[in-house]
Amino acid sequence: MRVRTSTGVKSMCEAAIVGLVLSISCEFYQVFSPVRFPTMTDVVTNAIGALAGASIWGRHLARSDKKQ
């Protein structure tokens, strides 16, 4: 398994895009579910959450690299 150690803007954008695509696919499933309904708010907040998680992880990696 390959793990990226890059903390740049490109990696954070990639994480946001992956979160966005995953969220859209989950919301698309809800279109066909009789008890659930899709909302754009879910898609946006999931993408923001993926971006925030990537940012936090990037800062953690940067801090751990400085210690070594």
N, C-alpha and C. Protein backbone atom coordinates (compact mmCIF):
# COMPACT_ATOMS: atom_id res chain seq x y z
N MET A 1 0.84 -1.18 0.00
CA MET A 1 0.00 0.00 0.00
C MET A 1 0.88 1.24 0.00
N ARG A 2 0.51 2.20 -0.80
CA ARG A 2 1.28 3.43 -0.92
C ARG A 2 0.61 4.55 -0.15
N VAL A 3 1.37 5.24 0.67
CA VAL A 3 0.85 6.34 1.47
C VAL A 3 1.55 7.62 1.03
N ARG A 4 0.77 8.64 0.76
CA ARG A 4 1.35 9.92 0.38
C ARG A 4 1.74 10.69 1.62
N THR A 5 2.85 11.39 1.53
CA THR A 5 3.26 12.24 2.64
C THR A 5 3.22 13.72 2.26
N SER A 6 2.72 14.02 1.10
CA SER A 6 2.62 15.40 0.65
C SER A 6 1.56 16.14 1.46
N THR A 7 1.87 17.36 1.84
CA THR A 7 0.92 18.15 2.64
C THR A 7 0.41 19.35 1.86
N GLY A 8 0.55 19.34 0.56
CA GLY A 8 0.21 20.50 -0.25
C GLY A 8 -1.26 20.64 -0.53
N VAL A 9 -1.56 21.73 -1.21
CA VAL A 9 -2.92 22.06 -1.58
C VAL A 9 -3.49 21.00 -2.54
N LYS A 10 -2.62 20.47 -3.40
CA LYS A 10 -3.07 19.46 -4.36
C LYS A 10 -3.63 18.23 -3.65
N SER A 11 -2.95 17.77 -2.62
CA SER A 11 -3.43 16.59 -1.88
C SER A 11 -4.75 16.87 -1.17
N MET A 12 -4.89 18.08 -0.64
CA MET A 12 -6.14 18.42 0.03
C MET A 12 -7.28 18.52 -0.97
N CYS A 13 -7.01 19.04 -2.16
CA CYS A 13 -8.04 19.11 -3.20
C CYS A 13 -8.43 17.71 -3.66
N GLU A 14 -7.46 16.82 -3.77
CA GLU A 14 -7.76 15.45 -4.15
C GLU A 14 -8.66 14.79 -3.10
N ALA A 15 -8.37 15.02 -1.84
CA ALA A 15 -9.20 14.46 -0.77
C ALA A 15 -10.62 15.01 -0.83
N ALA A 16 -10.75 16.30 -1.10
CA ALA A 16 -12.08 16.92 -1.21
C ALA A 16 -12.84 16.35 -2.39
N ILE A 17 -12.15 16.11 -3.50
CA ILE A 17 -12.81 15.56 -4.69
C ILE A 17 -13.26 14.13 -4.43
N VAL A 18 -12.41 13.33 -3.78
CA VAL A 18 -12.80 11.96 -3.45
C VAL A 18 -13.99 11.96 -2.50
N GLY A 19 -13.98 12.84 -1.50
CA GLY A 19 -15.11 12.96 -0.59
C GLY A 19 -16.38 13.40 -1.31
N LEU A 20 -16.24 14.30 -2.26
CA LEU A 20 -17.38 14.78 -3.03
C LEU A 20 -17.98 13.66 -3.88
N VAL A 21 -17.13 12.91 -4.57
CA VAL A 21 -17.61 11.81 -5.42
C VAL A 21 -18.28 10.73 -4.58
N LEU A 22 -17.67 10.40 -3.46
CA LEU A 22 -18.27 9.39 -2.58
C LEU A 22 -19.61 9.86 -2.04
N SER A 23 -19.70 11.11 -1.65
CA SER A 23 -20.94 11.66 -1.14
C SER A 23 -22.04 11.69 -2.20
N ILE A 24 -21.66 12.08 -3.42
CA ILE A 24 -22.65 12.10 -4.51
C ILE A 24 -23.17 10.70 -4.79
N SER A 25 -22.29 9.70 -4.74
CA SER A 25 -22.75 8.33 -4.99
C SER A 25 -23.69 7.86 -3.88
N CYS A 26 -23.42 8.24 -2.65
CA CYS A 26 -24.33 7.88 -1.55
C CYS A 26 -25.68 8.58 -1.70
N GLU A 27 -25.65 9.84 -2.08
CA GLU A 27 -26.90 10.57 -2.27
C GLU A 27 -27.67 10.03 -3.47
N PHE A 28 -26.97 9.57 -4.49
CA PHE A 28 -27.63 8.98 -5.64
C PHE A 28 -28.39 7.72 -5.24
N TYR A 29 -27.81 6.94 -4.34
CA TYR A 29 -28.50 5.76 -3.83
C TYR A 29 -29.81 6.17 -3.14
N GLN A 30 -29.78 7.26 -2.42
CA GLN A 30 -30.96 7.69 -1.68
C GLN A 30 -32.12 8.10 -2.59
N VAL A 31 -31.85 8.40 -3.84
CA VAL A 31 -32.91 8.72 -4.79
C VAL A 31 -33.86 7.53 -4.92
N PHE A 32 -33.32 6.32 -4.86
CA PHE A 32 -34.11 5.11 -5.05
C PHE A 32 -34.58 4.49 -3.74
N SER A 33 -34.23 5.07 -2.61
CA SER A 33 -34.64 4.54 -1.31
C SER A 33 -35.97 5.17 -0.90
N PRO A 34 -36.94 4.35 -0.49
CA PRO A 34 -38.25 4.92 -0.14
C PRO A 34 -38.27 5.66 1.21
N VAL A 35 -37.28 5.43 2.06
CA VAL A 35 -37.30 6.06 3.38
C VAL A 35 -36.26 7.16 3.55
N ARG A 36 -35.45 7.40 2.53
CA ARG A 36 -34.42 8.43 2.61
C ARG A 36 -34.58 9.41 1.46
N PHE A 37 -34.08 10.59 1.63
CA PHE A 37 -34.12 11.56 0.53
C PHE A 37 -32.79 12.30 0.47
N PRO A 38 -32.30 12.54 -0.74
CA PRO A 38 -31.00 13.19 -0.91
C PRO A 38 -31.09 14.71 -0.72
N THR A 39 -30.03 15.29 -0.19
CA THR A 39 -29.95 16.74 -0.07
C THR A 39 -28.56 17.21 -0.49
N MET A 40 -28.52 18.38 -1.05
CA MET A 40 -27.25 18.96 -1.46
C MET A 40 -26.42 19.37 -0.24
N THR A 41 -27.09 19.65 0.86
CA THR A 41 -26.37 20.01 2.09
C THR A 41 -25.46 18.87 2.53
N ASP A 42 -25.94 17.63 2.44
CA ASP A 42 -25.12 16.48 2.80
C ASP A 42 -23.87 16.39 1.93
N VAL A 43 -24.03 16.63 0.66
CA VAL A 43 -22.90 16.55 -0.27
C VAL A 43 -21.86 17.61 0.08
N VAL A 44 -22.30 18.83 0.30
CA VAL A 44 -21.37 19.92 0.60
C VAL A 44 -20.67 19.71 1.94
N THR A 45 -21.41 19.33 2.96
CA THR A 45 -20.78 19.14 4.27
C THR A 45 -19.83 17.95 4.27
N ASN A 46 -20.12 16.91 3.52
CA ASN A 46 -19.20 15.78 3.42
C ASN A 46 -17.91 16.17 2.71
N ALA A 47 -18.01 16.97 1.67
CA ALA A 47 -16.82 17.44 0.96
C ALA A 47 -15.98 18.36 1.86
N ILE A 48 -16.64 19.22 2.61
CA ILE A 48 -15.92 20.10 3.54
C ILE A 48 -15.26 19.26 4.64
N GLY A 49 -15.93 18.23 5.10
CA GLY A 49 -15.35 17.35 6.10
C GLY A 49 -14.13 16.61 5.59
N ALA A 50 -14.17 16.17 4.34
CA ALA A 50 -13.00 15.50 3.74
C ALA A 50 -11.84 16.48 3.62
N LEU A 51 -12.13 17.70 3.24
CA LEU A 51 -11.10 18.73 3.13
C LEU A 51 -10.51 19.06 4.50
N ALA A 52 -11.35 19.17 5.50
CA ALA A 52 -10.87 19.46 6.86
C ALA A 52 -10.02 18.31 7.39
N GLY A 53 -10.45 17.08 7.14
CA GLY A 53 -9.67 15.92 7.58
C GLY A 53 -8.31 15.86 6.90
N ALA A 54 -8.26 16.15 5.62
CA ALA A 54 -6.98 16.17 4.91
C ALA A 54 -6.07 17.28 5.44
N SER A 55 -6.67 18.41 5.76
CA SER A 55 -5.89 19.52 6.30
C SER A 55 -5.30 19.17 7.66
N ILE A 56 -6.11 18.58 8.52
CA ILE A 56 -5.63 18.18 9.84
C ILE A 56 -4.53 17.13 9.73
N TRP A 57 -4.73 16.15 8.85
CA TRP A 57 -3.72 15.12 8.67
C TRP A 57 -2.43 15.71 8.10
N GLY A 58 -2.54 16.65 7.17
CA GLY A 58 -1.36 17.30 6.61
C GLY A 58 -0.58 18.06 7.67
N ARG A 59 -1.27 18.74 8.54
CA ARG A 59 -0.60 19.45 9.63
C ARG A 59 0.07 18.48 10.59
N HIS A 60 -0.60 17.36 10.85
CA HIS A 60 -0.02 16.34 11.72
C HIS A 60 1.27 15.79 11.12
N LEU A 61 1.26 15.50 9.83
CA LEU A 61 2.46 14.98 9.16
C LEU A 61 3.58 16.01 9.17
N ALA A 62 3.24 17.27 8.93
CA ALA A 62 4.24 18.32 8.93
C ALA A 62 4.88 18.47 10.32
N ARG A 63 4.05 18.37 11.35
CA ARG A 63 4.56 18.49 12.70
C ARG A 63 5.43 17.28 13.06
N SER A 64 5.04 16.09 12.65
CA SER A 64 5.83 14.90 12.98
C SER A 64 7.14 14.88 12.20
N ASP A 65 7.16 15.46 11.00
CA ASP A 65 8.41 15.54 10.23
C ASP A 65 9.40 16.50 10.89
N LYS A 66 8.91 17.55 11.51
CA LYS A 66 9.79 18.51 12.18
C LYS A 66 10.44 17.90 13.41
N LYS A 67 9.74 16.97 14.08
CA LYS A 67 10.28 16.34 15.28
C LYS A 67 11.42 15.40 14.97
N GLN A 68 11.44 14.85 13.77
CA GLN A 68 12.46 13.85 13.44
C GLN A 68 13.68 14.47 12.86
